[in-house]
Amino acid sequence: MYAAVRRYEGVTDPVETGRLVSEGFVPLMRQVPGFVAYYWIDAGDGVMISTSVFQDQAGVEESIRRAADFVRDNLASLLPNPPQLTTGEVVASA
């Protein structure tokens, strides 16, 4: 399995961002081949974190592309700063 973690800082409206991600982005993630799980986390103080898990690296790469497109098209005013992105192979899980 592979995962992508995106950390967004300076989020202007966490509640609205969460709603838009839940209603618009989560369905897009579920369509990516190899989808395992997706989480959108409100870490407080204008920080939100997403975690995407896929069966293979190709799924993670597709999720990165879709996330960038979705943010550009739907969340630019709510997520004004580019995310810190970390990807890699899952080496342990529960």
PDB file of N, CA and C in Angstrom:
ATOM      1  N   MET A   1       0.846  -1.180   0.000  1.00  0.00           N
ATOM      2  CA  MET A   1       0.000   0.000   0.000  1.00  0.00           C
ATOM      3  C   MET A   1       0.889   1.241   0.000  1.00  0.00           C
ATOM      4  N   TYR A   2       0.310   2.326  -0.501  1.00  0.00           N
ATOM      5  CA  TYR A   2       0.997   3.617  -0.556  1.00  0.00           C
ATOM      6  C   TYR A   2       0.078   4.699  -0.015  1.00  0.00           C
ATOM      7  N   ALA A   3       0.687   5.758   0.519  1.00  0.00           N
ATOM      8  CA  ALA A   3      -0.109   6.835   1.114  1.00  0.00           C
ATOM      9  C   ALA A   3       0.445   8.197   0.703  1.00  0.00           C
ATOM     10  N   ALA A   4      -0.464   9.172   0.713  1.00  0.00           N
ATOM     11  CA  ALA A   4      -0.099  10.574   0.522  1.00  0.00           C
ATOM     12  C   ALA A   4      -0.691  11.357   1.676  1.00  0.00           C
ATOM     13  N   VAL A   5       0.128  12.213   2.272  1.00  0.00           N
ATOM     14  CA  VAL A   5      -0.328  13.083   3.360  1.00  0.00           C
ATOM     15  C   VAL A   5      -0.098  14.520   2.911  1.00  0.00           C
ATOM     16  N   ARG A   6      -1.158  15.321   2.986  1.00  0.00           N
ATOM     17  CA  ARG A   6      -1.073  16.739   2.620  1.00  0.00           C
ATOM     18  C   ARG A   6      -1.418  17.569   3.842  1.00  0.00           C
ATOM     19  N   ARG A   7      -0.568  18.535   4.162  1.00  0.00           N
ATOM     20  CA  ARG A   7      -0.810  19.433   5.300  1.00  0.00           C
ATOM     21  C   ARG A   7      -1.056  20.830   4.743  1.00  0.00           C
ATOM     22  N   TYR A   8      -2.249  21.343   5.011  1.00  0.00           N
ATOM     23  CA  TYR A   8      -2.639  22.677   4.558  1.00  0.00           C
ATOM     24  C   TYR A   8      -2.624  23.630   5.747  1.00  0.00           C
ATOM     25  N   GLU A   9      -1.944  24.749   5.605  1.00  0.00           N
ATOM     26  CA  GLU A   9      -1.909  25.778   6.652  1.00  0.00           C
ATOM     27  C   GLU A   9      -2.603  27.033   6.147  1.00  0.00           C
ATOM     28  N   GLY A  10      -3.127  27.826   7.063  1.00  0.00           N
ATOM     29  CA  GLY A  10      -3.800  29.062   6.694  1.00  0.00           C
ATOM     30  C   GLY A  10      -5.210  28.851   6.180  1.00  0.00           C
ATOM     31  N   VAL A  11      -5.846  27.741   6.566  1.00  0.00           N
ATOM     32  CA  VAL A  11      -7.210  27.442   6.118  1.00  0.00           C
ATOM     33  C   VAL A  11      -8.144  28.524   6.661  1.00  0.00           C
ATOM     34  N   THR A  12      -8.912  29.142   5.781  1.00  0.00           N
ATOM     35  CA  THR A  12      -9.728  30.291   6.188  1.00  0.00           C
ATOM     36  C   THR A  12     -11.070  29.908   6.783  1.00  0.00           C
ATOM     37  N   ASP A  13     -11.626  28.763   6.428  1.00  0.00           N
ATOM     38  CA  ASP A  13     -12.922  28.316   6.953  1.00  0.00           C
ATOM     39  C   ASP A  13     -12.930  26.786   7.008  1.00  0.00           C
ATOM     40  N   PRO A  14     -12.467  26.214   8.112  1.00  0.00           N
ATOM     41  CA  PRO A  14     -12.372  24.754   8.209  1.00  0.00           C
ATOM     42  C   PRO A  14     -13.713  24.035   8.043  1.00  0.00           C
ATOM     43  N   VAL A  15     -14.794  24.609   8.538  1.00  0.00           N
ATOM     44  CA  VAL A  15     -16.096  23.953   8.430  1.00  0.00           C
ATOM     45  C   VAL A  15     -16.530  23.859   6.971  1.00  0.00           C
ATOM     46  N   GLU A  16     -16.452  24.950   6.246  1.00  0.00           N
ATOM     47  CA  GLU A  16     -16.837  24.949   4.832  1.00  0.00           C
ATOM     48  C   GLU A  16     -15.891  24.071   4.009  1.00  0.00           C
ATOM     49  N   THR A  17     -14.610  24.119   4.325  1.00  0.00           N
ATOM     50  CA  THR A  17     -13.652  23.272   3.625  1.00  0.00           C
ATOM     51  C   THR A  17     -14.001  21.804   3.831  1.00  0.00           C
ATOM     52  N   GLY A  18     -14.297  21.422   5.062  1.00  0.00           N
ATOM     53  CA  GLY A  18     -14.675  20.042   5.354  1.00  0.00           C
ATOM     54  C   GLY A  18     -15.916  19.617   4.598  1.00  0.00           C
ATOM     55  N   ARG A  19     -16.884  20.500   4.505  1.00  0.00           N
ATOM     56  CA  ARG A  19     -18.115  20.185   3.780  1.00  0.00           C
ATOM     57  C   ARG A  19     -17.823  19.952   2.305  1.00  0.00           C
ATOM     58  N   LEU A  20     -17.044  20.849   1.703  1.00  0.00           N
ATOM     59  CA  LEU A  20     -16.739  20.727   0.279  1.00  0.00           C
ATOM     60  C   LEU A  20     -15.896  19.480  -0.014  1.00  0.00           C
ATOM     61  N   VAL A  21     -14.963  19.178   0.867  1.00  0.00           N
ATOM     62  CA  VAL A  21     -14.151  17.975   0.687  1.00  0.00           C
ATOM     63  C   VAL A  21     -15.035  16.738   0.793  1.00  0.00           C
ATOM     64  N   SER A  22     -15.893  16.705   1.797  1.00  0.00           N
ATOM     65  CA  SER A  22     -16.769  15.549   2.004  1.00  0.00           C
ATOM     66  C   SER A  22     -17.718  15.338   0.832  1.00  0.00           C
ATOM     67  N   GLU A  23     -18.325  16.405   0.366  1.00  0.00           N
ATOM     68  CA  GLU A  23     -19.336  16.300  -0.685  1.00  0.00           C
ATOM     69  C   GLU A  23     -18.750  16.191  -2.092  1.00  0.00           C
ATOM     70  N   GLY A  24     -17.589  16.814  -2.319  1.00  0.00           N
ATOM     71  CA  GLY A  24     -17.056  16.876  -3.672  1.00  0.00           C
ATOM     72  C   GLY A  24     -15.797  16.061  -3.919  1.00  0.00           C
ATOM     73  N   PHE A  25     -14.867  16.097  -2.966  1.00  0.00           N
ATOM     74  CA  PHE A  25     -13.581  15.443  -3.208  1.00  0.00           C
ATOM     75  C   PHE A  25     -13.584  13.968  -2.837  1.00  0.00           C
ATOM     76  N   VAL A  26     -14.216  13.604  -1.742  1.00  0.00           N
ATOM     77  CA  VAL A  26     -14.234  12.200  -1.323  1.00  0.00           C
ATOM     78  C   VAL A  26     -14.798  11.299  -2.428  1.00  0.00           C
ATOM     79  N   PRO A  27     -15.903  11.681  -3.079  1.00  0.00           N
ATOM     80  CA  PRO A  27     -16.382  10.834  -4.179  1.00  0.00           C
ATOM     81  C   PRO A  27     -15.359  10.673  -5.310  1.00  0.00           C
ATOM     82  N   LEU A  28     -14.557  11.699  -5.566  1.00  0.00           N
ATOM     83  CA  LEU A  28     -13.507  11.591  -6.587  1.00  0.00           C
ATOM     84  C   LEU A  28     -12.434  10.591  -6.172  1.00  0.00           C
ATOM     85  N   MET A  29     -12.074  10.598  -4.898  1.00  0.00           N
ATOM     86  CA  MET A  29     -11.063   9.664  -4.402  1.00  0.00           C
ATOM     87  C   MET A  29     -11.536   8.225  -4.512  1.00  0.00           C
ATOM     88  N   ARG A  30     -12.798   8.004  -4.223  1.00  0.00           N
ATOM     89  CA  ARG A  30     -13.345   6.642  -4.274  1.00  0.00           C
ATOM     90  C   ARG A  30     -13.307   6.061  -5.695  1.00  0.00           C
ATOM     91  N   GLN A  31     -13.243   6.914  -6.698  1.00  0.00           N
ATOM     92  CA  GLN A  31     -13.210   6.461  -8.087  1.00  0.00           C
ATOM     93  C   GLN A  31     -11.808   6.070  -8.556  1.00  0.00           C
ATOM     94  N   VAL A  32     -10.783   6.461  -7.809  1.00  0.00           N
ATOM     95  CA  VAL A  32      -9.407   6.157  -8.222  1.00  0.00           C
ATOM     96  C   VAL A  32      -9.135   4.666  -8.009  1.00  0.00           C
ATOM     97  N   PRO A  33      -8.646   3.981  -9.036  1.00  0.00           N
ATOM     98  CA  PRO A  33      -8.337   2.557  -8.880  1.00  0.00           C
ATOM     99  C   PRO A  33      -7.367   2.311  -7.726  1.00  0.00           C
ATOM    100  N   GLY A  34      -7.646   1.288  -6.942  1.00  0.00           N
ATOM    101  CA  GLY A  34      -6.793   0.939  -5.815  1.00  0.00           C
ATOM    102  C   GLY A  34      -7.087   1.700  -4.538  1.00  0.00           C
ATOM    103  N   PHE A  35      -8.176   2.483  -4.533  1.00  0.00           N
ATOM    104  CA  PHE A  35      -8.540   3.262  -3.344  1.00  0.00           C
ATOM    105  C   PHE A  35      -8.716   2.349  -2.126  1.00  0.00           C
ATOM    106  N   VAL A  36      -8.147   2.763  -0.990  1.00  0.00           N
ATOM    107  CA  VAL A  36      -8.308   2.045   0.271  1.00  0.00           C
ATOM    108  C   VAL A  36      -9.022   2.928   1.292  1.00  0.00           C
ATOM    109  N   ALA A  37      -8.515   4.150   1.503  1.00  0.00           N
ATOM    110  CA  ALA A  37      -9.103   5.019   2.533  1.00  0.00           C
ATOM    111  C   ALA A  37      -8.712   6.467   2.274  1.00  0.00           C
ATOM    112  N   TYR A  38      -9.535   7.377   2.813  1.00  0.00           N
ATOM    113  CA  TYR A  38      -9.257   8.814   2.759  1.00  0.00           C
ATOM    114  C   TYR A  38      -9.727   9.435   4.063  1.00  0.00           C
ATOM    115  N   TYR A  39      -8.904  10.330   4.614  1.00  0.00           N
ATOM    116  CA  TYR A  39      -9.253  11.037   5.853  1.00  0.00           C
ATOM    117  C   TYR A  39      -8.935  12.517   5.690  1.00  0.00           C
ATOM    118  N   TRP A  40      -9.839  13.364   6.185  1.00  0.00           N
ATOM    119  CA  TRP A  40      -9.647  14.820   6.203  1.00  0.00           C
ATOM    120  C   TRP A  40      -9.705  15.228   7.672  1.00  0.00           C
ATOM    121  N   ILE A  41      -8.636  15.802   8.176  1.00  0.00           N
ATOM    122  CA  ILE A  41      -8.481  16.051   9.607  1.00  0.00           C
ATOM    123  C   ILE A  41      -8.359  17.541   9.871  1.00  0.00           C
ATOM    124  N   ASP A  42      -9.136  18.033  10.831  1.00  0.00           N
ATOM    125  CA  ASP A  42      -9.011  19.409  11.297  1.00  0.00           C
ATOM    126  C   ASP A  42      -8.059  19.387  12.488  1.00  0.00           C
ATOM    127  N   ALA A  43      -6.835  19.856  12.284  1.00  0.00           N
ATOM    128  CA  ALA A  43      -5.816  19.856  13.334  1.00  0.00           C
ATOM    129  C   ALA A  43      -5.867  21.125  14.188  1.00  0.00           C
ATOM    130  N   GLY A  44      -6.787  22.037  13.877  1.00  0.00           N
ATOM    131  CA  GLY A  44      -6.916  23.279  14.636  1.00  0.00           C
ATOM    132  C   GLY A  44      -5.953  24.351  14.165  1.00  0.00           C
ATOM    133  N   ASP A  45      -6.199  25.563  14.593  1.00  0.00           N
ATOM    134  CA  ASP A  45      -5.347  26.713  14.273  1.00  0.00           C
ATOM    135  C   ASP A  45      -5.119  26.889  12.774  1.00  0.00           C
ATOM    136  N   GLY A  46      -6.161  26.629  11.969  1.00  0.00           N
ATOM    137  CA  GLY A  46      -6.057  26.830  10.524  1.00  0.00           C
ATOM    138  C   GLY A  46      -5.253  25.776   9.800  1.00  0.00           C
ATOM    139  N   VAL A  47      -5.052  24.630  10.441  1.00  0.00           N
ATOM    140  CA  VAL A  47      -4.304  23.533   9.821  1.00  0.00           C
ATOM    141  C   VAL A  47      -5.255  22.369   9.558  1.00  0.00           C
ATOM    142  N   MET A  48      -5.230  21.867   8.329  1.00  0.00           N
ATOM    143  CA  MET A  48      -6.008  20.678   7.980  1.00  0.00           C
ATOM    144  C   MET A  48      -5.083  19.712   7.254  1.00  0.00           C
ATOM    145  N   ILE A  49      -5.317  18.421   7.487  1.00  0.00           N
ATOM    146  CA  ILE A  49      -4.442  17.383   6.955  1.00  0.00           C
ATOM    147  C   ILE A  49      -5.290  16.331   6.251  1.00  0.00           C
ATOM    148  N   SER A  50      -4.867  15.933   5.067  1.00  0.00           N
ATOM    149  CA  SER A  50      -5.539  14.832   4.381  1.00  0.00           C
ATOM    150  C   SER A  50      -4.581  13.659   4.292  1.00  0.00           C
ATOM    151  N   THR A  51      -5.154  12.463   4.385  1.00  0.00           N
ATOM    152  CA  THR A  51      -4.387  11.228   4.215  1.00  0.00           C
ATOM    153  C   THR A  51      -5.140  10.347   3.230  1.00  0.00           C
ATOM    154  N   SER A  52      -4.471   9.965   2.165  1.00  0.00           N
ATOM    155  CA  SER A  52      -5.037   9.094   1.138  1.00  0.00           C
ATOM    156  C   SER A  52      -4.231   7.805   1.120  1.00  0.00           C
ATOM    157  N   VAL A  53      -4.923   6.665   1.091  1.00  0.00           N
ATOM    158  CA  VAL A  53      -4.245   5.370   1.058  1.00  0.00           C
ATOM    159  C   VAL A  53      -4.750   4.588  -0.158  1.00  0.00           C
ATOM    160  N   PHE A  54      -3.794   4.020  -0.905  1.00  0.00           N
ATOM    161  CA  PHE A  54      -4.107   3.271  -2.117  1.00  0.00           C
ATOM    162  C   PHE A  54      -3.312   1.981  -2.163  1.00  0.00           C
ATOM    163  N   GLN A  55      -3.778   1.043  -2.961  1.00  0.00           N
ATOM    164  CA  GLN A  55      -3.094  -0.238  -3.109  1.00  0.00           C
ATOM    165  C   GLN A  55      -1.723  -0.089  -3.759  1.00  0.00           C
ATOM    166  N   ASP A  56      -1.573   0.935  -4.628  1.00  0.00           N
ATOM    167  CA  ASP A  56      -0.307   1.070  -5.340  1.00  0.00           C
ATOM    168  C   ASP A  56       0.078   2.538  -5.514  1.00  0.00           C
ATOM    169  N   GLN A  57       1.295   2.735  -5.967  1.00  0.00           N
ATOM    170  CA  GLN A  57       1.820   4.083  -6.139  1.00  0.00           C
ATOM    171  C   GLN A  57       1.062   4.859  -7.209  1.00  0.00           C
ATOM    172  N   ALA A  58       0.568   4.176  -8.220  1.00  0.00           N
ATOM    173  CA  ALA A  58      -0.188   4.855  -9.285  1.00  0.00           C
ATOM    174  C   ALA A  58      -1.436   5.521  -8.714  1.00  0.00           C
ATOM    175  N   GLY A  59      -2.097   4.876  -7.771  1.00  0.00           N
ATOM    176  CA  GLY A  59      -3.267   5.474  -7.127  1.00  0.00           C
ATOM    177  C   GLY A  59      -2.918   6.731  -6.369  1.00  0.00           C
ATOM    178  N   VAL A  60      -1.802   6.695  -5.662  1.00  0.00           N
ATOM    179  CA  VAL A  60      -1.356   7.879  -4.922  1.00  0.00           C
ATOM    180  C   VAL A  60      -1.064   9.021  -5.885  1.00  0.00           C
ATOM    181  N   GLU A  61      -0.382   8.718  -6.979  1.00  0.00           N
ATOM    182  CA  GLU A  61      -0.059   9.767  -7.951  1.00  0.00           C
ATOM    183  C   GLU A  61      -1.320  10.374  -8.554  1.00  0.00           C
ATOM    184  N   GLU A  62      -2.310   9.534  -8.833  1.00  0.00           N
ATOM    185  CA  GLU A  62      -3.581  10.041  -9.358  1.00  0.00           C
ATOM    186  C   GLU A  62      -4.289  10.892  -8.308  1.00  0.00           C
ATOM    187  N   SER A  63      -4.220  10.494  -7.042  1.00  0.00           N
ATOM    188  CA  SER A  63      -4.865  11.278  -5.986  1.00  0.00           C
ATOM    189  C   SER A  63      -4.217  12.654  -5.853  1.00  0.00           C
ATOM    190  N   ILE A  64      -2.913  12.729  -6.040  1.00  0.00           N
ATOM    191  CA  ILE A  64      -2.201  14.011  -5.967  1.00  0.00           C
ATOM    192  C   ILE A  64      -2.686  14.929  -7.084  1.00  0.00           C
ATOM    193  N   ARG A  65      -2.804  14.374  -8.277  1.00  0.00           N
ATOM    194  CA  ARG A  65      -3.285  15.173  -9.416  1.00  0.00           C
ATOM    195  C   ARG A  65      -4.706  15.662  -9.179  1.00  0.00           C
ATOM    196  N   ARG A  66      -5.581  14.747  -8.728  1.00  0.00           N
ATOM    197  CA  ARG A  66      -6.971  15.127  -8.486  1.00  0.00           C
ATOM    198  C   ARG A  66      -7.092  16.145  -7.356  1.00  0.00           C
ATOM    199  N   ALA A  67      -6.274  16.000  -6.323  1.00  0.00           N
ATOM    200  CA  ALA A  67      -6.313  16.957  -5.211  1.00  0.00           C
ATOM    201  C   ALA A  67      -5.918  18.347  -5.689  1.00  0.00           C
ATOM    202  N   ALA A  68      -4.862  18.437  -6.458  1.00  0.00           N
ATOM    203  CA  ALA A  68      -4.421  19.745  -6.964  1.00  0.00           C
ATOM    204  C   ALA A  68      -5.505  20.390  -7.822  1.00  0.00           C
ATOM    205  N   ASP A  69      -6.136  19.597  -8.694  1.00  0.00           N
ATOM    206  CA  ASP A  69      -7.206  20.127  -9.546  1.00  0.00           C
ATOM    207  C   ASP A  69      -8.404  20.576  -8.705  1.00  0.00           C
ATOM    208  N   PHE A  70      -8.781  19.764  -7.718  1.00  0.00           N
ATOM    209  CA  PHE A  70      -9.954  20.090  -6.901  1.00  0.00           C
ATOM    210  C   PHE A  70      -9.713  21.348  -6.078  1.00  0.00           C
ATOM    211  N   VAL A  71      -8.532  21.465  -5.492  1.00  0.00           N
ATOM    212  CA  VAL A  71      -8.213  22.670  -4.715  1.00  0.00           C
ATOM    213  C   VAL A  71      -8.243  23.886  -5.625  1.00  0.00           C
ATOM    214  N   ARG A  72      -7.604  23.793  -6.779  1.00  0.00           N
ATOM    215  CA  ARG A  72      -7.577  24.928  -7.714  1.00  0.00           C
ATOM    216  C   ARG A  72      -8.990  25.340  -8.123  1.00  0.00           C
ATOM    217  N   ASP A  73      -9.837  24.367  -8.417  1.00  0.00           N
ATOM    218  CA  ASP A  73     -11.165  24.657  -8.955  1.00  0.00           C
ATOM    219  C   ASP A  73     -12.224  24.961  -7.894  1.00  0.00           C
ATOM    220  N   ASN A  74     -12.031  24.497  -6.658  1.00  0.00           N
ATOM    221  CA  ASN A  74     -13.099  24.599  -5.662  1.00  0.00           C
ATOM    222  C   ASN A  74     -12.706  25.174  -4.311  1.00  0.00           C
ATOM    223  N   LEU A  75     -11.429  25.156  -3.986  1.00  0.00           N
ATOM    224  CA  LEU A  75     -11.027  25.522  -2.623  1.00  0.00           C
ATOM    225  C   LEU A  75      -9.948  26.596  -2.547  1.00  0.00           C
ATOM    226  N   ALA A  76      -9.621  27.232  -3.645  1.00  0.00           N
ATOM    227  CA  ALA A  76      -8.493  28.167  -3.667  1.00  0.00           C
ATOM    228  C   ALA A  76      -8.613  29.259  -2.610  1.00  0.00           C
ATOM    229  N   SER A  77      -9.804  29.787  -2.384  1.00  0.00           N
ATOM    230  CA  SER A  77      -9.953  30.861  -1.396  1.00  0.00           C
ATOM    231  C   SER A  77      -9.908  30.329   0.035  1.00  0.00           C
ATOM    232  N   LEU A  78     -10.213  29.050   0.216  1.00  0.00           N
ATOM    233  CA  LEU A  78     -10.230  28.462   1.560  1.00  0.00           C
ATOM    234  C   LEU A  78      -8.886  27.851   1.946  1.00  0.00           C
ATOM    235  N   LEU A  79      -8.126  27.437   0.943  1.00  0.00           N
ATOM    236  CA  LEU A  79      -6.794  26.855   1.156  1.00  0.00           C
ATOM    237  C   LEU A  79      -5.790  27.699   0.375  1.00  0.00           C
ATOM    238  N   PRO A  80      -5.434  28.877   0.923  1.00  0.00           N
ATOM    239  CA  PRO A  80      -4.635  29.832   0.160  1.00  0.00           C
ATOM    240  C   PRO A  80      -3.171  29.433  -0.026  1.00  0.00           C
ATOM    241  N   ASN A  81      -2.683  28.479   0.758  1.00  0.00           N
ATOM    242  CA  ASN A  81      -1.274  28.092   0.681  1.00  0.00           C
ATOM    243  C   ASN A  81      -1.133  26.686   0.107  1.00  0.00           C
ATOM    244  N   PRO A  82      -0.093  26.449  -0.680  1.00  0.00           N
ATOM    245  CA  PRO A  82       0.107  25.096  -1.200  1.00  0.00           C
ATOM    246  C   PRO A  82       0.384  24.130  -0.047  1.00  0.00           C
ATOM    247  N   PRO A  83      -0.019  22.865  -0.207  1.00  0.00           N
ATOM    248  CA  PRO A  83       0.184  21.919   0.887  1.00  0.00           C
ATOM    249  C   PRO A  83       1.636  21.442   0.975  1.00  0.00           C
ATOM    250  N   GLN A  84       1.991  21.004   2.170  1.00  0.00           N
ATOM    251  CA  GLN A  84       3.221  20.229   2.339  1.00  0.00           C
ATOM    252  C   GLN A  84       2.818  18.800   2.013  1.00  0.00           C
ATOM    253  N   LEU A  85       3.481  18.176   1.072  1.00  0.00           N
ATOM    254  CA  LEU A  85       3.096  16.856   0.573  1.00  0.00           C
ATOM    255  C   LEU A  85       4.157  15.827   0.927  1.00  0.00           C
ATOM    256  N   THR A  86       3.701  14.712   1.497  1.00  0.00           N
ATOM    257  CA  THR A  86       4.577  13.589   1.794  1.00  0.00           C
ATOM    258  C   THR A  86       3.922  12.326   1.249  1.00  0.00           C
ATOM    259  N   THR A  87       4.701  11.523   0.527  1.00  0.00           N
ATOM    260  CA  THR A  87       4.169  10.267  -0.011  1.00  0.00           C
ATOM    261  C   THR A  87       5.148   9.143   0.307  1.00  0.00           C
ATOM    262  N   GLY A  88       4.628   7.925   0.305  1.00  0.00           N
ATOM    263  CA  GLY A  88       5.521   6.797   0.499  1.00  0.00           C
ATOM    264  C   GLY A  88       4.773   5.498   0.655  1.00  0.00           C
ATOM    265  N   GLU A  89       5.554   4.440   0.752  1.00  0.00           N
ATOM    266  CA  GLU A  89       4.998   3.112   0.941  1.00  0.00           C
ATOM    267  C   GLU A  89       4.603   2.919   2.404  1.00  0.00           C
ATOM    268  N   VAL A  90       3.452   2.333   2.627  1.00  0.00           N
ATOM    269  CA  VAL A  90       3.015   1.996   3.972  1.00  0.00           C
ATOM    270  C   VAL A  90       3.788   0.758   4.396  1.00  0.00           C
ATOM    271  N   VAL A  91       4.539   0.853   5.490  1.00  0.00           N
ATOM    272  CA  VAL A  91       5.360  -0.275   5.932  1.00  0.00           C
ATOM    273  C   VAL A  91       4.816  -0.945   7.183  1.00  0.00           C
ATOM    274  N   ALA A  92       3.816  -0.337   7.808  1.00  0.00           N
ATOM    275  CA  ALA A  92       3.136  -0.940   8.964  1.00  0.00           C
ATOM    276  C   ALA A  92       1.740  -0.347   9.064  1.00  0.00           C
ATOM    277  N   SER A  93       0.771  -1.146   9.479  1.00  0.00           N
ATOM    278  CA  SER A  93      -0.578  -0.649   9.654  1.00  0.00           C
ATOM    279  C   SER A  93      -1.297  -1.520  10.677  1.00  0.00           C
ATOM    280  N   ALA A  94      -2.422  -1.008  11.162  1.00  0.00           N
ATOM    281  CA  ALA A  94      -3.223  -1.768  12.133  1.00  0.00           C
ATOM    282  C   ALA A  94      -4.632  -1.888  11.651  1.00  0.00           C
TER     283      ALA A  94
END
